[in-house]
C-alpha atoms as a PDB file:
ATOM      1  CA  MET A   1      23.144  31.573  19.156  1.00  0.00           C
ATOM      2  CA  ALA A   2      23.704  27.849  19.409  1.00  0.00           C
ATOM      3  CA  THR A   3      24.805  26.028  16.295  1.00  0.00           C
ATOM      4  CA  ILE A   4      23.166  22.838  15.104  1.00  0.00           C
ATOM      5  CA  ALA A   5      26.121  20.855  16.390  1.00  0.00           C
ATOM      6  CA  GLU A   6      25.945  22.531  19.816  1.00  0.00           C
ATOM      7  CA  GLY A   7      22.216  21.935  20.102  1.00  0.00           C
ATOM      8  CA  ALA A   8      22.271  18.403  18.779  1.00  0.00           C
ATOM      9  CA  GLN A   9      20.854  15.691  20.974  1.00  0.00           C
ATOM     10  CA  ALA A  10      22.911  12.737  22.060  1.00  0.00           C
ATOM     11  CA  ALA A  11      22.505   9.573  20.028  1.00  0.00           C
ATOM     12  CA  PRO A  12      19.630   7.503  21.449  1.00  0.00           C
ATOM     13  CA  VAL A  13      20.478   4.385  23.403  1.00  0.00           C
ATOM     14  CA  GLU A  14      19.255   1.231  21.716  1.00  0.00           C
ATOM     15  CA  LEU A  15      16.651  -0.659  23.712  1.00  0.00           C
ATOM     16  CA  ARG A  16      17.770  -4.260  24.021  1.00  0.00           C
ATOM     17  CA  ILE A  17      16.711  -6.879  26.552  1.00  0.00           C
ATOM     18  CA  LEU A  18      17.985 -10.192  25.158  1.00  0.00           C
ATOM     19  CA  THR A  19      21.472 -11.182  24.112  1.00  0.00           C
ATOM     20  CA  HIS A  20      21.917 -13.114  20.877  1.00  0.00           C
ATOM     21  CA  ASP A  21      21.982 -16.277  22.968  1.00  0.00           C
ATOM     22  CA  GLY A  22      18.648 -15.545  24.615  1.00  0.00           C
ATOM     23  CA  ALA A  23      19.952 -14.412  27.997  1.00  0.00           C
ATOM     24  CA  LEU A  24      18.649 -11.325  29.779  1.00  0.00           C
ATOM     25  CA  LEU A  25      21.130  -8.475  29.730  1.00  0.00           C
ATOM     26  CA  GLN A  26      22.593  -7.902  33.152  1.00  0.00           C
ATOM     27  CA  ASP A  27      21.791  -4.194  33.157  1.00  0.00           C
ATOM     28  CA  ARG A  28      18.074  -4.697  32.594  1.00  0.00           C
ATOM     29  CA  HIS A  29      16.193  -3.474  35.662  1.00  0.00           C
ATOM     30  CA  ASP A  30      12.689  -4.047  34.315  1.00  0.00           C
ATOM     31  CA  ARG A  31      12.970  -7.724  33.485  1.00  0.00           C
ATOM     32  CA  GLU A  32      10.477  -8.595  36.213  1.00  0.00           C
ATOM     33  CA  ALA A  33       7.896  -6.595  34.259  1.00  0.00           C
ATOM     34  CA  GLY A  34       8.565  -8.529  31.073  1.00  0.00           C
ATOM     35  CA  PRO A  35       6.207 -11.080  29.558  1.00  0.00           C
ATOM     36  CA  SER A  36       5.654 -14.427  31.202  1.00  0.00           C
ATOM     37  CA  THR A  37       6.664 -17.579  29.369  1.00  0.00           C
ATOM     38  CA  GLU A  38       2.939 -18.300  28.890  1.00  0.00           C
ATOM     39  CA  HIS A  39       2.665 -14.998  27.016  1.00  0.00           C
ATOM     40  CA  LEU A  40       5.927 -15.382  25.114  1.00  0.00           C
ATOM     41  CA  ARG A  41       5.313 -18.911  23.855  1.00  0.00           C
ATOM     42  CA  PRO A  42       2.477 -17.961  21.473  1.00  0.00           C
ATOM     43  CA  ILE A  43       4.581 -15.052  20.236  1.00  0.00           C
ATOM     44  CA  TYR A  44       7.429 -17.426  19.426  1.00  0.00           C
ATOM     45  CA  GLU A  45       5.062 -19.903  17.787  1.00  0.00           C
ATOM     46  CA  ALA A  46       3.634 -17.131  15.601  1.00  0.00           C
ATOM     47  CA  MET A  47       7.164 -16.090  14.643  1.00  0.00           C
ATOM     48  CA  VAL A  48       7.941 -19.652  13.541  1.00  0.00           C
ATOM     49  CA  ARG A  49       4.728 -19.869  11.516  1.00  0.00           C
ATOM     50  CA  THR A  50       5.563 -16.544   9.921  1.00  0.00           C
ATOM     51  CA  ARG A  51       9.044 -17.743   8.927  1.00  0.00           C
ATOM     52  CA  LEU A  52       7.790 -20.982   7.384  1.00  0.00           C
ATOM     53  CA  LEU A  53       4.950 -19.337   5.460  1.00  0.00           C
ATOM     54  CA  ASP A  54       7.265 -16.545   4.334  1.00  0.00           C
ATOM     55  CA  GLN A  55       9.725 -19.104   2.970  1.00  0.00           C
ATOM     56  CA  GLU A  56       6.972 -20.918   1.074  1.00  0.00           C
ATOM     57  CA  LEU A  57       5.709 -17.682  -0.464  1.00  0.00           C
ATOM     58  CA  GLY A  58       9.258 -16.929  -1.575  1.00  0.00           C
ATOM     59  CA  ARG A  59       9.545 -20.334  -3.249  1.00  0.00           C
ATOM     60  CA  LEU A  60       6.203 -19.904  -4.999  1.00  0.00           C
ATOM     61  CA  SER A  61       7.323 -16.529  -6.309  1.00  0.00           C
ATOM     62  CA  GLU A  62      10.610 -17.948  -7.604  1.00  0.00           C
ATOM     63  CA  GLN A  63       8.684 -20.722  -9.363  1.00  0.00           C
ATOM     64  CA  GLY A  64       6.474 -18.170 -11.080  1.00  0.00           C
ATOM     65  CA  ARG A  65       3.284 -19.494  -9.500  1.00  0.00           C
ATOM     66  CA  ILE A  66       2.541 -16.168  -7.809  1.00  0.00           C
ATOM     67  CA  GLY A  67       3.688 -12.618  -8.416  1.00  0.00           C
ATOM     68  CA  PHE A  68       6.698 -10.934  -6.872  1.00  0.00           C
ATOM     69  CA  TYR A  69       6.978 -11.505  -3.148  1.00  0.00           C
ATOM     70  CA  ALA A  70       9.536  -9.864  -0.863  1.00  0.00           C
ATOM     71  CA  THR A  71      10.643 -12.315   1.814  1.00  0.00           C
ATOM     72  CA  ALA A  72      11.528 -10.955   5.238  1.00  0.00           C
ATOM     73  CA  PRO A  73      13.852 -13.381   7.065  1.00  0.00           C
ATOM     74  CA  GLY A  74      14.975 -12.002  10.400  1.00  0.00           C
ATOM     75  CA  GLU A  75      12.109  -9.521  10.692  1.00  0.00           C
ATOM     76  CA  GLU A  76       9.653 -11.745  12.558  1.00  0.00           C
ATOM     77  CA  ALA A  77      10.156 -10.023  15.918  1.00  0.00           C
ATOM     78  CA  ALA A  78       9.592  -6.609  14.335  1.00  0.00           C
ATOM     79  CA  SER A  79       6.150  -7.662  13.160  1.00  0.00           C
ATOM     80  CA  VAL A  80       4.833 -10.336  15.540  1.00  0.00           C
ATOM     81  CA  ALA A  81       6.121  -8.941  18.843  1.00  0.00           C
ATOM     82  CA  ALA A  82       4.926  -5.438  18.009  1.00  0.00           C
ATOM     83  CA  ALA A  83       1.492  -6.750  17.053  1.00  0.00           C
ATOM     84  CA  ALA A  84       1.352  -8.707  20.307  1.00  0.00           C
ATOM     85  CA  ALA A  85       1.784  -5.477  22.283  1.00  0.00           C
ATOM     86  CA  LEU A  86      -1.394  -4.051  20.771  1.00  0.00           C
ATOM     87  CA  GLN A  87      -5.018  -4.852  21.515  1.00  0.00           C
ATOM     88  CA  PRO A  88      -7.380  -6.613  19.076  1.00  0.00           C
ATOM     89  CA  ASN A  89      -9.473  -3.460  18.631  1.00  0.00           C
ATOM     90  CA  ASP A  90      -6.464  -1.368  17.585  1.00  0.00           C
ATOM     91  CA  TRP A  91      -6.136  -0.767  13.856  1.00  0.00           C
ATOM     92  CA  VAL A  92      -2.914  -1.936  12.193  1.00  0.00           C
ATOM     93  CA  PHE A  93      -1.572  -0.711   8.851  1.00  0.00           C
ATOM     94  CA  VAL A  94       0.950  -3.019   7.255  1.00  0.00           C
ATOM     95  CA  GLY A  95       3.336  -2.994   4.330  1.00  0.00           C
ATOM     96  CA  ARG A  96       4.887  -5.769   2.280  1.00  0.00           C
ATOM     97  CA  ARG A  97       6.943  -7.403   5.048  1.00  0.00           C
ATOM     98  CA  GLU A  98       4.439  -7.584   7.895  1.00  0.00           C
ATOM     99  CA  LEU A  99       3.091 -11.067   7.256  1.00  0.00           C
ATOM    100  CA  GLY A 100       3.519 -11.796  10.963  1.00  0.00           C
ATOM    101  CA  VAL A 101       1.061  -9.053  11.911  1.00  0.00           C
ATOM    102  CA  ALA A 102      -1.668 -10.640   9.807  1.00  0.00           C
ATOM    103  CA  LEU A 103      -1.004 -14.094  11.249  1.00  0.00           C
ATOM    104  CA  TRP A 104      -0.998 -12.752  14.806  1.00  0.00           C
ATOM    105  CA  ARG A 105      -4.348 -11.095  14.144  1.00  0.00           C
ATOM    106  CA  GLY A 106      -5.817 -14.475  13.225  1.00  0.00           C
ATOM    107  CA  LEU A 107      -5.588 -14.541   9.442  1.00  0.00           C
ATOM    108  CA  SER A 108      -4.939 -18.116   8.338  1.00  0.00           C
ATOM    109  CA  PRO A 109      -2.255 -19.337   5.917  1.00  0.00           C
ATOM    110  CA  GLN A 110      -5.142 -20.232   3.605  1.00  0.00           C
ATOM    111  CA  ARG A 111      -6.322 -16.611   3.602  1.00  0.00           C
ATOM    112  CA  VAL A 112      -2.800 -15.395   2.868  1.00  0.00           C
ATOM    113  CA  LEU A 113      -2.221 -17.911   0.075  1.00  0.00           C
ATOM    114  CA  ASP A 114      -5.603 -17.239  -1.528  1.00  0.00           C
ATOM    115  CA  GLY A 115      -4.490 -13.627  -1.713  1.00  0.00           C
ATOM    116  CA  ALA A 116      -1.086 -14.571  -3.101  1.00  0.00           C
ATOM    117  CA  PHE A 117      -2.649 -16.646  -5.881  1.00  0.00           C
ATOM    118  CA  GLY A 118      -5.394 -14.051  -6.403  1.00  0.00           C
ATOM    119  CA  ASN A 119      -8.091 -16.684  -6.709  1.00  0.00           C
ATOM    120  CA  ALA A 120     -11.858 -16.477  -6.311  1.00  0.00           C
ATOM    121  CA  SER A 121     -11.564 -16.903  -2.536  1.00  0.00           C
ATOM    122  CA  ASP A 122      -9.320 -13.864  -2.207  1.00  0.00           C
ATOM    123  CA  GLY A 123     -11.077 -11.064  -0.364  1.00  0.00           C
ATOM    124  CA  ALA A 124      -9.214  -8.532  -2.525  1.00  0.00           C
ATOM    125  CA  LYS A 125     -10.432 -10.316  -5.686  1.00  0.00           C
ATOM    126  CA  GLY A 126      -6.935 -10.748  -7.048  1.00  0.00           C
ATOM    127  CA  ARG A 127      -6.075  -7.055  -6.980  1.00  0.00           C
ATOM    128  CA  ALA A 128      -3.355  -7.007  -4.324  1.00  0.00           C
ATOM    129  CA  LEU A 129       0.280  -8.030  -4.492  1.00  0.00           C
ATOM    130  CA  PRO A 130       1.248 -11.290  -2.759  1.00  0.00           C
ATOM    131  CA  GLY A 131       1.623 -10.750   0.980  1.00  0.00           C
ATOM    132  CA  LEU A 132      -0.546  -7.631   1.105  1.00  0.00           C
ATOM    133  CA  VAL A 133      -3.538  -9.109   2.882  1.00  0.00           C
ATOM    134  CA  GLY A 134      -6.083  -7.189   4.909  1.00  0.00           C
ATOM    135  CA  SER A 135      -9.172  -7.902   6.967  1.00  0.00           C
ATOM    136  CA  ARG A 136     -11.827  -5.500   8.214  1.00  0.00           C
ATOM    137  CA  GLU A 137     -12.837  -7.991  10.911  1.00  0.00           C
ATOM    138  CA  ALA A 138      -9.255  -8.300  12.189  1.00  0.00           C
ATOM    139  CA  ARG A 139      -8.658  -4.551  11.726  1.00  0.00           C
ATOM    140  CA  VAL A 140      -5.701  -5.193   9.430  1.00  0.00           C
ATOM    141  CA  VAL A 141      -5.303  -2.646   6.635  1.00  0.00           C
ATOM    142  CA  ALA A 142      -2.920  -3.534   3.810  1.00  0.00           C
ATOM    143  CA  SER A 143      -1.043  -0.818   1.962  1.00  0.00           C
ATOM    144  CA  SER A 144      -0.997  -0.351  -1.788  1.00  0.00           C
ATOM    145  CA  GLY A 145       2.642  -1.405  -1.829  1.00  0.00           C
ATOM    146  CA  LEU A 146       3.903   2.151  -2.356  1.00  0.00           C
ATOM    147  CA  PRO A 147       6.226   3.364   0.426  1.00  0.00           C
ATOM    148  CA  GLY A 148       4.534   5.648   2.921  1.00  0.00           C
ATOM    149  CA  ASN A 149       0.999   5.711   1.524  1.00  0.00           C
ATOM    150  CA  HIS A 150      -0.550   3.932   4.487  1.00  0.00           C
ATOM    151  CA  LEU A 151       1.118   6.197   7.058  1.00  0.00           C
ATOM    152  CA  ILE A 152      -1.381   8.936   6.247  1.00  0.00           C
ATOM    153  CA  HIS A 153      -4.223   6.455   6.604  1.00  0.00           C
ATOM    154  CA  ALA A 154      -2.942   5.373  10.025  1.00  0.00           C
ATOM    155  CA  THR A 155      -2.734   8.971  11.205  1.00  0.00           C
ATOM    156  CA  GLY A 156      -6.255   9.627   9.948  1.00  0.00           C
ATOM    157  CA  CYS A 157      -7.533   6.529  11.699  1.00  0.00           C
ATOM    158  CA  GLY A 158      -5.935   7.582  14.976  1.00  0.00           C
ATOM    159  CA  TRP A 159      -7.344  11.087  14.623  1.00  0.00           C
ATOM    160  CA  ALA A 160     -10.828   9.695  13.997  1.00  0.00           C
ATOM    161  CA  ALA A 161     -10.541   7.485  17.084  1.00  0.00           C
ATOM    162  CA  ARG A 162      -9.477  10.415  19.238  1.00  0.00           C
ATOM    163  CA  SER A 163     -12.231  12.656  17.852  1.00  0.00           C
ATOM    164  CA  SER A 164     -14.888  10.046  18.592  1.00  0.00           C
ATOM    165  CA  GLY A 165     -13.513   9.184  22.032  1.00  0.00           C
ATOM    166  CA  ASP A 166     -12.657   5.621  21.008  1.00  0.00           C
ATOM    167  CA  PRO A 167      -9.856   4.380  23.337  1.00  0.00           C
ATOM    168  CA  ILE A 168      -7.750   2.713  20.660  1.00  0.00           C
ATOM    169  CA  VAL A 169      -4.556   3.422  18.780  1.00  0.00           C
ATOM    170  CA  ALA A 170      -3.451   2.984  15.192  1.00  0.00           C
ATOM    171  CA  ALA A 171      -0.111   1.400  14.375  1.00  0.00           C
ATOM    172  CA  ALA A 172       1.754   1.494  11.073  1.00  0.00           C
ATOM    173  CA  TRP A 173       4.838  -0.425   9.963  1.00  0.00           C
ATOM    174  CA  PHE A 174       7.067   0.893   7.194  1.00  0.00           C
ATOM    175  CA  ALA A 175      10.508   0.512   5.656  1.00  0.00           C
ATOM    176  CA  ASP A 176      13.127   3.209   6.146  1.00  0.00           C
ATOM    177  CA  SER A 177      12.822   4.040   2.434  1.00  0.00           C
ATOM    178  CA  ALA A 178       9.329   5.383   3.175  1.00  0.00           C
ATOM    179  CA  ALA A 179      10.918   8.094   5.321  1.00  0.00           C
ATOM    180  CA  GLU A 180      11.914   9.827   2.083  1.00  0.00           C
ATOM    181  CA  SER A 181       8.303  10.099   0.935  1.00  0.00           C
ATOM    182  CA  ALA A 182       6.031  13.115   1.176  1.00  0.00           C
ATOM    183  CA  GLU A 183       3.472  10.902   2.905  1.00  0.00           C
ATOM    184  CA  PHE A 184       5.889  10.257   5.778  1.00  0.00           C
ATOM    185  CA  HIS A 185       6.275  13.983   6.380  1.00  0.00           C
ATOM    186  CA  THR A 186       2.548  14.643   6.121  1.00  0.00           C
ATOM    187  CA  ALA A 187       1.621  11.801   8.462  1.00  0.00           C
ATOM    188  CA  LEU A 188       4.164  12.622  11.164  1.00  0.00           C
ATOM    189  CA  ASN A 189       3.605  16.358  10.942  1.00  0.00           C
ATOM    190  CA  PHE A 190      -0.159  16.033  11.446  1.00  0.00           C
ATOM    191  CA  ALA A 191       0.281  13.402  14.156  1.00  0.00           C
ATOM    192  CA  GLY A 192       2.759  15.563  16.049  1.00  0.00           C
ATOM    193  CA  VAL A 193       0.718  18.762  15.881  1.00  0.00           C
ATOM    194  CA  PHE A 194      -2.557  17.148  16.937  1.00  0.00           C
ATOM    195  CA  ARG A 195      -1.086  14.526  19.302  1.00  0.00           C
ATOM    196  CA  VAL A 196      -2.713  11.692  17.407  1.00  0.00           C
ATOM    197  CA  PRO A 197      -2.749   8.270  19.145  1.00  0.00           C
ATOM    198  CA  VAL A 198      -0.639   6.486  16.541  1.00  0.00           C
ATOM    199  CA  VAL A 199       2.503   4.363  16.723  1.00  0.00           C
ATOM    200  CA  PHE A 200       4.912   4.418  13.786  1.00  0.00           C
ATOM    201  CA  LEU A 201       7.183   1.380  13.507  1.00  0.00           C
ATOM    202  CA  GLY A 202      10.015   1.855  11.041  1.00  0.00           C
ATOM    203  CA  ARG A 203      12.199  -1.048   9.968  1.00  0.00           C
ATOM    204  CA  SER A 204      15.711   0.315   9.503  1.00  0.00           C
ATOM    205  CA  ARG A 205      18.851  -1.210   8.043  1.00  0.00           C
ATOM    206  CA  GLY A 206      20.728   2.074   7.851  1.00  0.00           C
ATOM    207  CA  PRO A 207      22.816   3.856  10.493  1.00  0.00           C
ATOM    208  CA  LYS A 208      21.277   3.257  13.906  1.00  0.00           C
ATOM    209  CA  GLY A 209      19.371   6.228  15.229  1.00  0.00           C
ATOM    210  CA  ALA A 210      19.062   8.034  11.896  1.00  0.00           C
ATOM    211  CA  LEU A 211      15.377   7.222  11.522  1.00  0.00           C
ATOM    212  CA  ALA A 212      14.517   7.888  15.168  1.00  0.00           C
ATOM    213  CA  ALA A 213      16.232  11.282  14.938  1.00  0.00           C
ATOM    214  CA  ARG A 214      13.686  12.430  12.371  1.00  0.00           C
ATOM    215  CA  ALA A 215      11.012  12.483  15.079  1.00  0.00           C
ATOM    216  CA  VAL A 216      12.618  15.546  16.681  1.00  0.00           C
ATOM    217  CA  ALA A 217      11.486  17.791  13.827  1.00  0.00           C
ATOM    218  CA  TYR A 218       7.867  16.811  14.435  1.00  0.00           C
ATOM    219  CA  GLY A 219       7.894  17.030  18.222  1.00  0.00           C
ATOM    220  CA  ILE A 220       7.343  13.294  18.444  1.00  0.00           C
ATOM    221  CA  GLU A 221       8.716  10.848  20.989  1.00  0.00           C
ATOM    222  CA  SER A 222      11.181   8.400  19.464  1.00  0.00           C
ATOM    223  CA  VAL A 223      12.696   5.087  20.510  1.00  0.00           C
ATOM    224  CA  LEU A 224      15.630   3.187  19.048  1.00  0.00           C
ATOM    225  CA  CYS A 225      14.927  -0.516  19.496  1.00  0.00           C
ATOM    226  CA  ASP A 226      16.723  -3.711  18.547  1.00  0.00           C
ATOM    227  CA  GLY A 227      14.315  -5.006  15.901  1.00  0.00           C
ATOM    228  CA  GLY A 228      15.532  -8.569  16.327  1.00  0.00           C
ATOM    229  CA  ASP A 229      14.834  -8.651  20.071  1.00  0.00           C
ATOM    230  CA  ALA A 230      11.226  -9.730  20.575  1.00  0.00           C
ATOM    231  CA  LEU A 231      11.173  -8.662  24.229  1.00  0.00           C
ATOM    232  CA  ALA A 232      12.511  -5.201  23.408  1.00  0.00           C
ATOM    233  CA  VAL A 233      10.023  -4.734  20.556  1.00  0.00           C
ATOM    234  CA  LEU A 234       7.193  -5.876  22.813  1.00  0.00           C
ATOM    235  CA  ALA A 235       8.228  -3.438  25.553  1.00  0.00           C
ATOM    236  CA  ALA A 236       8.766  -0.457  23.235  1.00  0.00           C
ATOM    237  CA  THR A 237       5.452  -0.906  21.442  1.00  0.00           C
ATOM    238  CA  GLY A 238       3.547  -1.448  24.674  1.00  0.00           C
ATOM    239  CA  ARG A 239       4.923   1.763  26.167  1.00  0.00           C
ATOM    240  CA  ALA A 240       4.155   3.695  22.986  1.00  0.00           C
ATOM    241  CA  ARG A 241       0.572   2.477  23.115  1.00  0.00           C
ATOM    242  CA  GLU A 242       0.238   3.540  26.752  1.00  0.00           C
ATOM    243  CA  ARG A 243       1.583   7.014  25.903  1.00  0.00           C
ATOM    244  CA  ALA A 244      -0.863   7.376  23.036  1.00  0.00           C
ATOM    245  CA  LEU A 245      -3.871   6.420  25.145  1.00  0.00           C
ATOM    246  CA  ALA A 246      -2.735   8.795  27.891  1.00  0.00           C
ATOM    247  CA  GLY A 247      -2.959  11.690  25.445  1.00  0.00           C
ATOM    248  CA  GLN A 248       0.810  12.088  25.134  1.00  0.00           C
ATOM    249  CA  GLY A 249       0.817  11.754  21.371  1.00  0.00           C
ATOM    250  CA  PRO A 250       2.503   9.535  18.806  1.00  0.00           C
ATOM    251  CA  THR A 251       5.764   7.613  19.001  1.00  0.00           C
ATOM    252  CA  LEU A 252       8.222   6.748  16.264  1.00  0.00           C
ATOM    253  CA  ILE A 253       9.958   3.439  16.976  1.00  0.00           C
ATOM    254  CA  GLU A 254      13.035   2.655  14.919  1.00  0.00           C
ATOM    255  CA  LEU A 255      13.324  -1.117  14.671  1.00  0.00           C
ATOM    256  CA  ALA A 256      17.015  -1.522  13.937  1.00  0.00           C
ATOM    257  CA  LEU A 257      17.663  -4.605  11.823  1.00  0.00           C
ATOM    258  CA  GLY A 258      21.230  -5.572  11.099  1.00  0.00           C
ATOM    259  CA  GLU A 259      22.412  -8.303   8.788  1.00  0.00           C
ATOM    260  CA  HIS A 260      20.413 -11.486   9.332  1.00  0.00           C
ATOM    261  CA  THR A 261      22.757 -14.181  10.616  1.00  0.00           C
ATOM    262  CA  ASP A 262      22.284 -17.435  12.496  1.00  0.00           C
ATOM    263  CA  GLU A 263      23.736 -15.799  15.603  1.00  0.00           C
ATOM    264  CA  SER A 264      21.409 -12.789  15.568  1.00  0.00           C
ATOM    265  CA  ASP A 265      18.335 -14.677  14.346  1.00  0.00           C
ATOM    266  CA  PRO A 266      15.275 -13.427  16.283  1.00  0.00           C
ATOM    267  CA  LEU A 267      13.727 -16.903  16.419  1.00  0.00           C
ATOM    268  CA  ARG A 268      16.878 -18.344  17.951  1.00  0.00           C
ATOM    269  CA  ARG A 269      17.001 -15.619  20.597  1.00  0.00           C
ATOM    270  CA  VAL A 270      13.436 -16.229  21.779  1.00  0.00           C
ATOM    271  CA  ARG A 271      13.806 -20.002  21.631  1.00  0.00           C
ATOM    272  CA  ARG A 272      16.984 -19.903  23.722  1.00  0.00           C
ATOM    273  CA  PHE A 273      15.241 -17.646  26.247  1.00  0.00           C
ATOM    274  CA  LEU A 274      12.312 -20.068  26.538  1.00  0.00           C
ATOM    275  CA  GLU A 275      14.691 -23.012  26.840  1.00  0.00           C
ATOM    276  CA  ARG A 276      16.492 -21.249  29.676  1.00  0.00           C
ATOM    277  CA  GLN A 277      13.115 -21.005  31.422  1.00  0.00           C
ATOM    278  CA  ASN A 278      12.397 -24.705  30.737  1.00  0.00           C
ATOM    279  CA  ALA A 279       9.427 -23.576  28.638  1.00  0.00           C
ATOM    280  CA  TRP A 280      10.474 -25.060  25.270  1.00  0.00           C
ATOM    281  CA  THR A 281      11.823 -28.390  24.064  1.00  0.00           C
ATOM    282  CA  ASP A 282      13.087 -29.989  20.863  1.00  0.00           C
ATOM    283  CA  GLU A 283       9.908 -32.073  20.766  1.00  0.00           C
ATOM    284  CA  ALA A 284       7.757 -28.940  20.895  1.00  0.00           C
ATOM    285  CA  GLN A 285       9.803 -27.447  18.062  1.00  0.00           C
ATOM    286  CA  ARG A 286       9.416 -30.512  15.860  1.00  0.00           C
ATOM    287  CA  ALA A 287       5.677 -30.634  16.490  1.00  0.00           C
ATOM    288  CA  LEU A 288       5.281 -26.940  15.628  1.00  0.00           C
ATOM    289  CA  ASP A 289       7.363 -27.245  12.460  1.00  0.00           C
ATOM    290  CA  GLU A 290       5.473 -30.320  11.267  1.00  0.00           C
ATOM    291  CA  GLN A 291       2.051 -28.858  12.051  1.00  0.00           C
ATOM    292  CA  THR A 292       2.836 -25.572  10.309  1.00  0.00           C
ATOM    293  CA  THR A 293       4.417 -27.215   7.270  1.00  0.00           C
ATOM    294  CA  ALA A 294       1.403 -29.493   6.833  1.00  0.00           C
ATOM    295  CA  ALA A 295      -1.024 -26.569   7.096  1.00  0.00           C
ATOM    296  CA  VAL A 296       0.941 -24.481   4.606  1.00  0.00           C
ATOM    297  CA  THR A 297       1.276 -27.379   2.147  1.00  0.00           C
ATOM    298  CA  ALA A 298      -2.467 -28.028   2.255  1.00  0.00           C
ATOM    299  CA  ALA A 299      -3.218 -24.328   1.830  1.00  0.00           C
ATOM    300  CA  VAL A 300      -0.923 -24.096  -1.208  1.00  0.00           C
ATOM    301  CA  ALA A 301      -2.637 -27.065  -2.859  1.00  0.00           C
ATOM    302  CA  HIS A 302      -6.094 -25.594  -2.271  1.00  0.00           C
ATOM    303  CA  ALA A 303      -5.193 -22.050  -3.315  1.00  0.00           C
ATOM    304  CA  GLY A 304      -3.375 -23.206  -6.433  1.00  0.00           C
ATOM    305  CA  GLN A 305      -6.349 -25.218  -7.677  1.00  0.00           C
ATOM    306  CA  ALA A 306      -9.015 -22.598  -6.974  1.00  0.00           C
ATOM    307  CA  PRO A 307     -10.447 -20.721  -9.986  1.00  0.00           C
ATOM    308  CA  PRO A 308      -9.680 -17.039 -10.580  1.00  0.00           C
ATOM    309  CA  PRO A 309     -12.197 -14.335  -9.660  1.00  0.00           C
ATOM    310  CA  PRO A 310     -14.949 -13.822 -12.255  1.00  0.00           C
ATOM    311  CA  ALA A 311     -14.011 -11.222 -14.841  1.00  0.00           C
ATOM    312  CA  ALA A 312     -17.086  -9.159 -13.957  1.00  0.00           C
ATOM    313  CA  SER A 313     -15.615  -8.547 -10.495  1.00  0.00           C
ATOM    314  CA  LEU A 314     -13.382  -5.952 -12.177  1.00  0.00           C
ATOM    315  CA  PHE A 315     -16.333  -3.582 -11.892  1.00  0.00           C
ATOM    316  CA  ASP A 316     -17.031  -4.267  -8.212  1.00  0.00           C
ATOM    317  CA  ASP A 317     -16.048  -1.997  -5.320  1.00  0.00           C
ATOM    318  CA  THR A 318     -15.635   1.110  -7.453  1.00  0.00           C
ATOM    319  CA  PHE A 319     -18.910   3.063  -7.560  1.00  0.00           C
ATOM    320  CA  ALA A 320     -22.073   2.768  -5.490  1.00  0.00           C
ATOM    321  CA  ARG A 321     -23.928   3.182  -8.784  1.00  0.00           C
ATOM    322  CA  ALA A 322     -21.896   2.389 -11.888  1.00  0.00           C
ATOM    323  CA  PRO A 323     -21.781   5.198 -14.478  1.00  0.00           C
ATOM    324  CA  TRP A 324     -23.229   4.475 -17.892  1.00  0.00           C
ATOM    325  CA  HIS A 325     -19.937   3.676 -19.606  1.00  0.00           C
ATOM    326  CA  LEU A 326     -18.973   1.051 -16.999  1.00  0.00           C
ATOM    327  CA  ALA A 327     -22.458  -0.450 -17.165  1.00  0.00           C
ATOM    328  CA  GLU A 328     -22.059  -0.788 -20.925  1.00  0.00           C
ATOM    329  CA  GLN A 329     -18.622  -2.350 -20.560  1.00  0.00           C
ATOM    330  CA  ARG A 330     -19.896  -4.841 -18.001  1.00  0.00           C
ATOM    331  CA  ALA A 331     -22.761  -5.826 -20.305  1.00  0.00           C
ATOM    332  CA  ALA A 332     -20.363  -6.209 -23.225  1.00  0.00           C
ATOM    333  CA  LEU A 333     -18.103  -8.420 -21.129  1.00  0.00           C
ATOM    334  CA  ALA A 334     -21.040 -10.631 -20.173  1.00  0.00           C
ATOM    335  CA  ASN A 335     -21.877 -11.127 -23.854  1.00  0.00           C
ATOM    336  CA  LEU A 336     -18.395 -12.278 -24.824  1.00  0.00           C
ATOM    337  CA  PRO A 337     -18.050 -16.008 -25.569  1.00  0.00           C
ATOM    338  CA  GLY A 338     -16.370 -18.283 -23.070  1.00  0.00           C
ATOM    339  CA  ASP A 339     -16.633 -18.940 -19.350  1.00  0.00           C
ATOM    340  CA  ARG A 340     -16.408 -15.611 -17.567  1.00  0.00           C
END
């Protein structure tokens, strides 16, 4: 009988395509199949917009103008590049650090900031935490903020798509802390047994390979990927999507994120790569920074001045027909003095 140590698999090799200075690794044999500069430029631009909006949301939170917001510097490739590997009709399930996914799917800074301020223009009517923004039209589903909850929803969505013959996948981002939740086990167990077309993208700051190794217990394909390498994230997610659509089941991608430094910054890596291809200039960078900063500043001013949702909206989106006690409470609220 083999012991656990004897039967253990070798540590997975980390998928990496770019060096920290934006050069292609010499041992990459599939670089010809990588994205063109025309494809990579909008990914980089979305990463920059994500960084600048993320920083502004952090400042607003520190000033007490919005609720708690968890900034995510250095995680732009893990969100934007992965989202870019999916198709618009795929459903995406995001957590608290996937601002880049929402922006890539077309949600504007104004939409994000309305949600952060929880004003009357917020589609969630002020009920969600800052940064947790969703859109049915863009097929972006925001989590409740609790680790792992949305993983079950993603698995269910993928199962529904497979059952109905809809050629799409579901993708869910999560922090490595969610791997300790019961929802993580339930989602991956069901997905593995029924070969659900779903891609799990776990952001990890722990020992490399520890999260990916969990997939073995569920019979799921796993990939260890440099989460700061946009090209590697793009490639890993694209392959996982192809596997899912081919009926080969789910994939767990561990997006390894080390300490965020200037040298390992994902924006710097993509920018240096584009500069090496003569596809980016300092002038283009200044124009992008100025345009994004102006848009974010205007969105903050508008969102901060907008009124809150009407108090009666507390009763919306709960029951198709309100029970008697809620109907009475709503009527009592309407009769209270003041502007409601």
